[in-house]
Amino acid sequence: MITHKESFTKFRLVPLIVLVVMLSITDELPAQDAGKVEEQLNLLVAPSSVGLSLLDVDASSVSRPQTPTDIIVTVRNKTNEFTEIPSEFGLDLQPYWVLGGGGATYEELAGDEVTFRSILQNFRVSLATKSRIDSSFAGTDSLLTVTSSDFAIGLNLPIARGKRSSETIEHFKAIKDGLKGLNRILRTKLDSARKNSESYQILSLRLDTLEGELSSLTDAGDDLQKQLDAQTAAQKMAEMILNDARIAALKIEKAAILAQQEKLEAEMKDVIFKSQSAELEAQKKLVADAPNERIGFKLELAGGIVTDVPGQDFDKARLRTAGIWVTGGYESKSLGFLGVARSLADGKNGDRTSWDIGGRIVADVGPQLSCSIEAAYRFINMYAGANMNTWRTAFRADYLVGKNKSLAVTFGRDFEGKKSGTLLTLVQLVLGFGSARPIDS
């Protein structure tokens, strides 16, 4: 039960079903939809998929650590004049938030200290798939082509995520201050509406009377219980039954009065919410415009496996690749320097292990556009002691086409040894779903 004293000390702003600011301003009333705002935080910033990285088809070989949405869907395809149906997909999700968030507060989410809970909140599971033409089925018929699929599952564990920028801190402070002020106004108006409602006051007086009668009857029942003895048992038991019946009747009446009060307060709230519509819209805008900037040192671990399904035959599925890597670097307000060290073991091509070392420079040109250049060197330790080295360079541009919607265009030179050649030209569409994050006022 929410007490009158507690009802205005803590409110939570949840951007997907947000601003539960005015919802607990009575003693026993549940939340009302009139105080909810459907806004989402913009959390998607040039993301990369661990699953697509395992498949070696991600738009960037050096990912950018971030705090993403609950679910990220990535559709990637070679441009080919935009005539091909995309055949490579990625799905990243954060179990902590998908499963409800565990009652986390904004302070825990946005805090600068690295804790077990902060790591758990940003832990990601990544799934990805890629279809390809498998020439291994051709045999003697060179015209025979069979489609095979690769499935990847990866894990991403953020260790260090930097600190909130001063602009982000000030913006959320403004939101919290606004909520506190709005809560005070709503409390004052609701108290005034209660006092000025004759019907509400009559019900309150009757409730006070009922509480007194219930207390007296309860004490009388206790006294009757103590007076029970062998000679007066029957008489006292009859009096106790009658006393309990009176208590039950009073409780029923109390419940009916509380229901009437609830209806009256709901009507009062509707009037109050409408009178504060301008203030509510102002809070909506603050949430919609909330930045998500973190600066400083960032570090994350990632890894996973790839399963090969030749000819789309599940019974022939086999483990193909396993990998692990670390990504880290430093990001300022508009410029970032990132690096990656990756190891991939390829079981399909014998005992082959590849090592990637790369770097990336990211520049945030504006609130919606970021550009980056990257270079990566791959050292491949082949079976039978043979070695092969190759490299990749690329330019990438990420544009936020909408809230939690990003379009990435990459052009450059890819690693050697791929059937698609070394020319790297692709478009990647990323869609984020679920950015509800609680904020205590």
Protein backbone atom coordinates (compact mmCIF):
# COMPACT_ATOMS: atom_id res chain seq x y z
CA MET A 1 0.00 0.00 0.00
CA ILE A 2 1.31 3.48 -0.88
CA THR A 3 1.00 5.90 2.04
CA HIS A 4 0.21 9.58 1.64
CA LYS A 5 3.62 10.53 3.02
CA GLU A 6 5.52 8.20 0.69
CA SER A 7 3.52 8.91 -2.42
CA PHE A 8 5.45 12.04 -3.45
CA THR A 9 8.96 11.10 -2.33
CA LYS A 10 9.83 8.82 -5.21
CA PHE A 11 8.49 8.65 -8.73
CA ARG A 12 9.91 6.90 -11.75
CA LEU A 13 10.13 8.09 -15.29
CA VAL A 14 10.13 5.13 -17.70
CA PRO A 15 10.41 6.48 -21.25
CA LEU A 16 8.45 3.65 -22.90
CA ILE A 17 5.57 4.00 -20.39
CA VAL A 18 6.88 7.02 -18.63
CA LEU A 19 6.34 9.76 -16.10
CA VAL A 20 4.53 7.77 -13.47
CA VAL A 21 4.71 11.07 -11.71
CA MET A 22 1.19 11.61 -10.64
CA LEU A 23 0.17 8.01 -10.30
CA SER A 24 0.75 7.41 -6.59
CA ILE A 25 -0.53 10.64 -5.12
CA THR A 26 -3.31 9.01 -3.09
CA ASP A 27 -3.32 6.66 -0.17
CA GLU A 28 -4.54 3.50 -1.90
CA LEU A 29 -5.28 4.29 -5.54
CA PRO A 30 -3.55 2.43 -8.41
CA ALA A 31 -1.71 4.15 -11.25
CA GLN A 32 -3.73 5.84 -13.97
CA ASP A 33 -2.98 6.08 -17.69
CA ALA A 34 -3.51 9.84 -17.63
CA GLY A 35 -0.07 10.30 -16.14
CA LYS A 36 1.86 8.18 -18.64
CA VAL A 37 4.05 9.45 -21.44
CA GLU A 38 5.08 7.17 -24.30
CA GLU A 39 8.59 8.41 -25.05
CA GLN A 40 11.86 6.53 -25.56
CA LEU A 41 15.46 7.44 -24.89
CA ASN A 42 17.67 7.53 -27.98
CA LEU A 43 20.28 4.90 -27.11
CA LEU A 44 21.41 3.65 -30.51
CA VAL A 45 24.87 4.98 -31.43
CA ALA A 46 26.59 3.30 -34.42
CA PRO A 47 26.31 -0.23 -32.98
CA SER A 48 28.09 -3.39 -34.09
CA SER A 49 26.87 -6.97 -33.79
CA VAL A 50 29.03 -9.65 -32.16
CA GLY A 51 27.25 -12.31 -34.20
CA LEU A 52 27.96 -10.56 -37.50
CA SER A 53 31.56 -10.05 -36.41
CA LEU A 54 31.88 -13.80 -35.84
CA LEU A 55 30.55 -14.34 -39.36
CA ASP A 56 33.16 -11.80 -40.55
CA VAL A 57 30.49 -9.70 -42.27
CA ASP A 58 29.99 -6.79 -39.84
CA ALA A 59 30.16 -3.25 -41.16
CA SER A 60 33.12 -2.58 -38.87
CA SER A 61 35.91 -4.81 -37.59
CA VAL A 62 36.37 -2.48 -34.57
CA SER A 63 33.13 -2.03 -32.63
CA ARG A 64 32.14 1.06 -30.67
CA PRO A 65 31.28 0.33 -27.01
CA GLN A 66 27.90 1.74 -26.04
CA THR A 67 24.74 1.37 -23.97
CA PRO A 68 22.22 -0.03 -26.48
CA THR A 69 18.48 -0.67 -26.50
CA ASP A 70 16.89 -3.87 -25.22
CA ILE A 71 16.82 -5.44 -28.70
CA ILE A 72 18.80 -4.51 -31.82
CA VAL A 73 17.95 -5.89 -35.26
CA THR A 74 20.61 -5.57 -37.96
CA VAL A 75 20.00 -6.13 -41.67
CA ARG A 76 23.16 -6.13 -43.74
CA ASN A 77 23.72 -6.65 -47.46
CA LYS A 78 26.17 -5.94 -50.22
CA THR A 79 24.78 -3.00 -52.13
CA ASN A 80 24.88 -4.53 -55.63
CA GLU A 81 22.82 -1.56 -56.80
CA PHE A 82 20.25 -2.46 -54.09
CA THR A 83 18.88 -5.33 -56.20
CA GLU A 84 19.59 -8.24 -53.83
CA ILE A 85 17.41 -9.42 -50.97
CA PRO A 86 19.37 -9.11 -47.71
CA SER A 87 20.78 -12.47 -46.67
CA GLU A 88 22.59 -11.50 -43.47
CA PHE A 89 20.76 -10.66 -40.27
CA GLY A 90 21.76 -9.97 -36.68
CA LEU A 91 19.74 -9.89 -33.47
CA ASP A 92 21.28 -8.49 -30.27
CA LEU A 93 19.41 -8.37 -26.98
CA GLN A 94 20.04 -7.44 -23.37
CA PRO A 95 18.51 -10.15 -21.14
CA TYR A 96 18.44 -7.88 -18.07
CA TRP A 97 16.12 -5.34 -19.71
CA VAL A 98 14.18 -7.78 -21.89
CA LEU A 99 13.20 -9.62 -18.69
CA GLY A 100 11.94 -6.43 -17.03
CA GLY A 101 14.95 -4.59 -15.64
CA GLY A 102 14.81 -5.97 -12.11
CA GLY A 103 13.61 -2.68 -10.62
CA ALA A 104 16.82 -0.84 -11.46
CA THR A 105 16.98 2.90 -10.93
CA TYR A 106 18.45 5.48 -13.28
CA GLU A 107 21.25 6.18 -10.78
CA GLU A 108 22.33 2.54 -11.00
CA LEU A 109 22.10 2.56 -14.78
CA ALA A 110 23.92 5.84 -15.31
CA GLY A 111 26.41 5.60 -12.46
CA ASP A 112 30.08 5.93 -13.33
CA GLU A 113 31.27 3.13 -11.05
CA VAL A 114 31.71 -0.35 -12.51
CA THR A 115 29.64 -2.82 -10.47
CA PHE A 116 28.36 -6.32 -11.03
CA ARG A 117 24.89 -4.92 -11.61
CA SER A 118 26.08 -2.33 -14.14
CA ILE A 119 27.87 -5.08 -16.08
CA LEU A 120 24.77 -7.27 -15.92
CA GLN A 121 22.58 -4.42 -17.17
CA ASN A 122 24.65 -3.99 -20.34
CA PHE A 123 25.46 -7.65 -21.02
CA ARG A 124 24.33 -8.62 -24.54
CA VAL A 125 23.54 -11.85 -26.34
CA SER A 126 24.01 -11.74 -30.10
CA LEU A 127 22.53 -14.02 -32.78
CA ALA A 128 23.29 -13.80 -36.49
CA THR A 129 22.83 -15.78 -39.68
CA LYS A 130 24.34 -15.69 -43.16
CA SER A 131 23.28 -17.57 -46.29
CA ARG A 132 25.86 -18.46 -48.93
CA ILE A 133 26.40 -20.57 -52.02
CA ASP A 134 28.34 -23.68 -51.01
CA SER A 135 30.57 -24.89 -53.84
CA SER A 136 31.61 -27.96 -51.85
CA PHE A 137 28.41 -29.67 -53.08
CA ALA A 138 29.25 -29.18 -56.75
CA GLY A 139 31.20 -32.40 -57.20
CA THR A 140 31.73 -33.18 -60.87
CA ASP A 141 28.90 -30.88 -61.92
CA SER A 142 30.35 -27.36 -61.78
CA LEU A 143 26.90 -25.88 -62.45
CA LEU A 144 25.42 -27.32 -59.26
CA THR A 145 25.02 -24.71 -56.50
CA VAL A 146 23.61 -25.35 -53.05
CA THR A 147 22.68 -22.75 -50.45
CA SER A 148 24.18 -23.27 -47.00
CA SER A 149 23.82 -21.22 -43.83
CA ASP A 150 26.05 -20.13 -40.99
CA PHE A 151 24.59 -19.40 -37.55
CA ALA A 152 26.49 -17.45 -34.90
CA ILE A 153 25.85 -16.89 -31.23
CA GLY A 154 27.99 -14.42 -29.33
CA LEU A 155 28.24 -12.72 -25.96
CA ASN A 156 29.28 -9.14 -25.21
CA LEU A 157 30.45 -8.18 -21.74
CA PRO A 158 31.10 -4.46 -21.11
CA ILE A 159 33.76 -3.83 -18.47
CA ALA A 160 34.26 -0.05 -18.60
CA ARG A 161 31.79 2.34 -20.24
CA GLY A 162 33.14 5.80 -19.48
CA LYS A 163 31.32 8.54 -17.61
CA ARG A 164 28.27 10.62 -18.41
CA SER A 165 29.04 13.90 -20.11
CA SER A 166 28.23 17.12 -18.29
CA GLU A 167 25.42 17.82 -20.78
CA THR A 168 23.82 14.45 -20.03
CA ILE A 169 24.04 15.01 -16.28
CA GLU A 170 22.52 18.50 -16.50
CA HIS A 171 19.74 17.31 -18.82
CA PHE A 172 18.58 14.54 -16.47
CA LYS A 173 18.91 16.84 -13.49
CA ALA A 174 16.48 19.18 -15.24
CA ILE A 175 14.08 16.26 -15.76
CA LYS A 176 14.23 15.25 -12.09
CA ASP A 177 13.83 18.84 -10.87
CA GLY A 178 10.86 19.27 -13.17
CA LEU A 179 9.25 16.10 -11.81
CA LYS A 180 9.70 17.22 -8.23
CA GLY A 181 8.10 20.58 -8.96
CA LEU A 182 5.25 18.96 -10.83
CA ASN A 183 4.70 16.51 -7.97
CA ARG A 184 4.37 19.37 -5.50
CA ILE A 185 1.79 21.10 -7.68
CA LEU A 186 -0.22 17.92 -8.13
CA ARG A 187 -0.13 17.12 -4.41
CA THR A 188 -1.31 20.61 -3.51
CA LYS A 189 -4.13 20.54 -6.05
CA LEU A 190 -5.27 17.07 -5.00
CA ASP A 191 -5.30 18.01 -1.31
CA SER A 192 -7.32 21.10 -2.18
CA ALA A 193 -9.76 19.07 -4.26
CA ARG A 194 -10.27 16.64 -1.38
CA LYS A 195 -11.00 19.45 1.07
CA ASN A 196 -13.42 21.21 -1.28
CA SER A 197 -15.39 18.08 -2.14
CA GLU A 198 -18.38 17.72 0.20
CA SER A 199 -18.97 14.12 -0.87
CA TYR A 200 -15.35 13.21 -0.22
CA GLN A 201 -15.40 14.83 3.24
CA ILE A 202 -18.60 12.99 4.22
CA LEU A 203 -17.00 9.69 3.19
CA SER A 204 -13.85 10.55 5.15
CA LEU A 205 -15.86 11.30 8.29
CA ARG A 206 -17.72 8.02 7.97
CA LEU A 207 -14.39 6.21 7.53
CA ASP A 208 -13.10 7.76 10.76
CA THR A 209 -16.24 6.62 12.56
CA LEU A 210 -15.88 3.11 11.13
CA GLU A 211 -12.28 2.90 12.26
CA GLY A 212 -13.34 3.78 15.80
CA GLU A 213 -16.19 1.23 15.80
CA LEU A 214 -13.90 -1.47 14.39
CA SER A 215 -11.32 -0.77 17.05
CA SER A 216 -13.94 -0.99 19.82
CA LEU A 217 -15.41 -4.22 18.47
CA THR A 218 -11.97 -5.76 18.13
CA ASP A 219 -11.15 -4.90 21.75
CA ALA A 220 -14.51 -6.29 22.85
CA GLY A 221 -13.80 -9.53 21.02
CA ASP A 222 -10.46 -9.84 22.82
CA ASP A 223 -12.18 -9.28 26.18
CA LEU A 224 -14.81 -11.93 25.39
CA GLN A 225 -12.05 -14.39 24.51
CA LYS A 226 -10.39 -13.83 27.89
CA GLN A 227 -13.72 -14.28 29.76
CA LEU A 228 -14.39 -17.73 28.34
CA ASP A 229 -14.89 -20.44 31.02
CA ALA A 230 -16.79 -23.68 31.37
CA GLN A 231 -19.91 -22.09 32.93
CA THR A 232 -20.36 -19.22 30.44
CA ALA A 233 -18.82 -20.74 27.31
CA ALA A 234 -22.04 -20.96 25.30
CA GLN A 235 -23.15 -17.41 26.12
CA LYS A 236 -19.74 -15.88 25.47
CA MET A 237 -19.33 -17.78 22.21
CA ALA A 238 -22.67 -16.42 20.98
CA GLU A 239 -21.58 -12.89 21.88
CA MET A 240 -18.25 -13.43 20.05
CA ILE A 241 -20.03 -14.66 16.92
CA LEU A 242 -22.31 -11.61 16.96
CA ASN A 243 -19.29 -9.33 17.52
CA ASP A 244 -17.44 -10.90 14.56
CA ALA A 245 -20.50 -10.46 12.37
CA ARG A 246 -20.62 -6.75 13.22
CA ILE A 247 -16.90 -6.43 12.39
CA ALA A 248 -17.43 -8.16 9.03
CA ALA A 249 -20.33 -5.83 8.19
CA LEU A 250 -18.27 -2.74 9.06
CA LYS A 251 -15.38 -3.97 6.88
CA ILE A 252 -17.75 -4.43 3.95
CA GLU A 253 -19.03 -0.89 4.44
CA LYS A 254 -15.46 0.39 4.67
CA ALA A 255 -14.55 -1.30 1.38
CA ALA A 256 -17.57 0.29 -0.31
CA ILE A 257 -16.62 3.74 0.98
CA LEU A 258 -13.03 3.31 -0.19
CA ALA A 259 -14.32 2.38 -3.64
CA GLN A 260 -16.44 5.55 -3.72
CA GLN A 261 -13.43 7.61 -2.65
CA GLU A 262 -11.34 5.97 -5.34
CA LYS A 263 -13.88 6.96 -7.97
CA LEU A 264 -14.00 10.54 -6.70
CA GLU A 265 -10.20 10.83 -6.64
CA ALA A 266 -9.96 9.44 -10.17
CA GLU A 267 -12.29 12.22 -11.33
CA MET A 268 -10.20 14.78 -9.42
CA LYS A 269 -7.00 13.50 -11.01
CA ASP A 270 -8.45 13.73 -14.50
CA VAL A 271 -9.24 17.39 -13.93
CA ILE A 272 -5.81 18.05 -12.40
CA PHE A 273 -3.92 16.27 -15.20
CA LYS A 274 -5.77 18.29 -17.83
CA SER A 275 -4.94 21.52 -16.02
CA GLN A 276 -1.24 20.56 -16.05
CA SER A 277 -1.10 19.40 -19.68
CA ALA A 278 1.45 22.07 -20.64
CA GLU A 279 3.83 20.98 -17.87
CA LEU A 280 3.40 17.33 -18.85
CA GLU A 281 4.24 18.12 -22.48
CA ALA A 282 7.34 19.97 -21.32
CA GLN A 283 8.49 16.86 -19.44
CA LYS A 284 7.79 14.76 -22.54
CA LYS A 285 10.04 16.97 -24.61
CA LEU A 286 12.84 16.80 -22.04
CA VAL A 287 12.71 13.01 -22.19
CA ALA A 288 12.54 12.91 -25.98
CA ASP A 289 15.59 15.20 -26.24
CA ALA A 290 17.62 13.38 -23.59
CA PRO A 291 21.25 12.81 -24.69
CA ASN A 292 23.13 9.58 -24.13
CA GLU A 293 26.76 10.64 -24.11
CA ARG A 294 29.45 8.78 -22.23
CA ILE A 295 33.05 9.89 -22.43
CA GLY A 296 36.31 8.44 -21.19
CA PHE A 297 37.89 4.99 -21.22
CA LYS A 298 35.77 2.12 -22.55
CA LEU A 299 36.43 -1.61 -22.60
CA GLU A 300 34.41 -4.67 -23.51
CA LEU A 301 34.97 -8.40 -24.04
CA ALA A 302 33.22 -10.45 -26.70
CA GLY A 303 33.26 -13.96 -28.06
CA GLY A 304 31.17 -16.77 -29.47
CA ILE A 305 30.86 -19.63 -31.92
CA VAL A 306 29.67 -20.21 -35.50
CA THR A 307 27.81 -23.31 -36.66
CA ASP A 308 27.89 -24.32 -40.33
CA VAL A 309 24.76 -25.97 -41.81
CA PRO A 310 25.76 -27.39 -45.24
CA GLY A 311 22.96 -27.53 -47.77
CA GLN A 312 20.47 -26.31 -45.12
CA ASP A 313 20.57 -29.85 -43.67
CA PHE A 314 20.34 -29.54 -39.89
CA ASP A 315 21.64 -33.08 -39.33
CA LYS A 316 24.91 -32.05 -40.98
CA ALA A 317 25.44 -29.01 -38.76
CA ARG A 318 28.94 -28.66 -37.39
CA LEU A 319 30.95 -26.24 -35.31
CA ARG A 320 32.90 -24.04 -37.66
CA THR A 321 34.46 -21.12 -35.81
CA ALA A 322 35.11 -20.00 -32.26
CA GLY A 323 36.48 -16.62 -31.32
CA ILE A 324 37.22 -14.19 -28.52
CA TRP A 325 38.33 -10.55 -28.57
CA VAL A 326 38.69 -7.37 -26.60
CA THR A 327 37.74 -3.88 -27.74
CA GLY A 328 38.68 -0.70 -25.95
CA GLY A 329 39.73 2.89 -26.27
CA TYR A 330 39.00 6.46 -25.28
CA GLU A 331 36.14 8.67 -26.46
CA SER A 332 35.75 12.39 -25.91
CA LYS A 333 32.63 14.40 -26.68
CA SER A 334 33.13 14.29 -30.45
CA LEU A 335 36.18 12.11 -31.13
CA GLY A 336 37.09 8.53 -30.26
CA PHE A 337 40.13 6.27 -30.63
CA LEU A 338 39.36 2.56 -30.45
CA GLY A 339 41.32 -0.66 -30.89
CA VAL A 340 40.63 -4.39 -31.13
CA ALA A 341 42.59 -7.61 -30.57
CA ARG A 342 40.77 -10.72 -31.85
CA SER A 343 41.50 -14.43 -32.12
CA LEU A 344 39.44 -16.76 -34.33
CA ALA A 345 39.88 -20.54 -34.59
CA ASP A 346 38.49 -21.99 -37.84
CA GLY A 347 37.70 -25.70 -37.60
CA LYS A 348 36.38 -25.99 -41.15
CA ASN A 349 39.75 -25.28 -42.75
CA GLY A 350 41.79 -27.54 -40.54
CA ASP A 351 43.84 -26.26 -37.67
CA ARG A 352 43.74 -22.58 -38.65
CA THR A 353 43.88 -19.65 -36.27
CA SER A 354 43.69 -16.00 -37.25
CA TRP A 355 44.69 -12.97 -35.19
CA ASP A 356 43.31 -9.49 -35.84
CA ILE A 357 44.83 -6.25 -34.61
CA GLY A 358 43.05 -3.07 -35.61
CA GLY A 359 42.22 0.52 -34.81
CA ARG A 360 39.43 2.96 -35.55
CA ILE A 361 39.00 6.73 -35.31
CA VAL A 362 35.40 7.91 -34.83
CA ALA A 363 34.20 11.49 -35.25
CA ASP A 364 30.69 12.62 -34.28
CA VAL A 365 30.03 15.25 -36.93
CA GLY A 366 26.64 16.17 -35.54
CA PRO A 367 23.82 14.82 -33.37
CA GLN A 368 22.79 12.42 -36.15
CA LEU A 369 25.94 11.72 -38.15
CA SER A 370 29.17 9.98 -37.19
CA CYS A 371 32.04 9.03 -39.50
CA SER A 372 34.96 6.73 -38.92
CA ILE A 373 37.99 5.23 -40.58
CA GLU A 374 39.52 1.94 -39.56
CA ALA A 375 42.36 -0.39 -40.42
CA ALA A 376 42.89 -3.99 -39.34
CA TYR A 377 45.72 -6.43 -39.94
CA ARG A 378 45.01 -10.19 -39.96
CA PHE A 379 47.70 -12.78 -39.36
CA ILE A 380 46.56 -16.31 -40.27
CA ASN A 381 48.40 -19.32 -38.92
CA MET A 382 47.51 -22.05 -41.43
CA TYR A 383 47.73 -25.78 -40.92
CA ALA A 384 51.04 -27.47 -41.77
CA GLY A 385 52.86 -24.37 -40.57
CA ALA A 386 51.86 -22.13 -43.49
CA ASN A 387 51.09 -18.48 -42.77
CA MET A 388 49.10 -15.83 -44.60
CA ASN A 389 48.67 -12.15 -43.84
CA THR A 390 45.97 -9.81 -45.07
CA TRP A 391 44.51 -6.43 -44.15
CA ARG A 392 41.37 -4.34 -44.28
CA THR A 393 40.70 -0.59 -44.44
CA ALA A 394 37.29 1.04 -44.52
CA PHE A 395 35.37 4.28 -44.22
CA ARG A 396 32.05 4.10 -42.38
CA ALA A 397 29.27 6.65 -41.99
CA ASP A 398 26.41 6.16 -39.52
CA TYR A 399 23.30 8.29 -39.75
CA LEU A 400 20.43 8.26 -37.25
CA VAL A 401 17.40 8.19 -39.53
CA GLY A 402 15.06 8.26 -36.53
CA LYS A 403 14.98 7.54 -32.84
CA ASN A 404 16.87 4.26 -32.33
CA LYS A 405 17.16 3.75 -36.10
CA SER A 406 20.57 3.89 -37.74
CA LEU A 407 21.79 3.47 -41.31
CA ALA A 408 25.46 2.60 -41.87
CA VAL A 409 27.29 2.80 -45.18
CA THR A 410 30.75 1.22 -45.46
CA PHE A 411 33.24 1.44 -48.32
CA GLY A 412 36.79 0.13 -48.46
CA ARG A 413 39.04 -2.87 -48.88
CA ASP A 414 38.11 -6.15 -47.18
CA PHE A 415 40.33 -8.99 -46.02
CA GLU A 416 41.60 -11.28 -48.75
CA GLY A 417 40.39 -14.85 -49.13
CA LYS A 418 36.66 -14.11 -49.48
CA LYS A 419 34.67 -15.19 -52.53
CA SER A 420 33.14 -11.74 -52.72
CA GLY A 421 36.59 -10.24 -53.35
CA THR A 422 38.33 -7.45 -51.49
CA LEU A 423 36.01 -4.61 -52.55
CA LEU A 424 33.94 -3.68 -49.52
CA THR A 425 30.68 -1.84 -50.26
CA LEU A 426 27.70 -2.47 -48.04
CA VAL A 427 24.69 -0.90 -46.37
CA GLN A 428 23.59 -1.88 -42.87
CA LEU A 429 20.25 -0.96 -41.31
CA VAL A 430 20.01 -1.14 -37.53
CA LEU A 431 16.73 -0.92 -35.60
CA GLY A 432 16.57 -0.63 -31.82
CA PHE A 433 13.54 -1.65 -29.77
CA GLY A 434 12.92 -1.00 -26.09
CA SER A 435 14.72 1.88 -24.39
CA ALA A 436 12.70 2.16 -21.18
CA ARG A 437 15.04 3.22 -18.40
CA PRO A 438 13.78 4.19 -14.88
CA ILE A 439 14.69 7.61 -13.49
CA ASP A 440 14.06 8.44 -9.83
CA SER A 441 13.04 11.98 -9.08
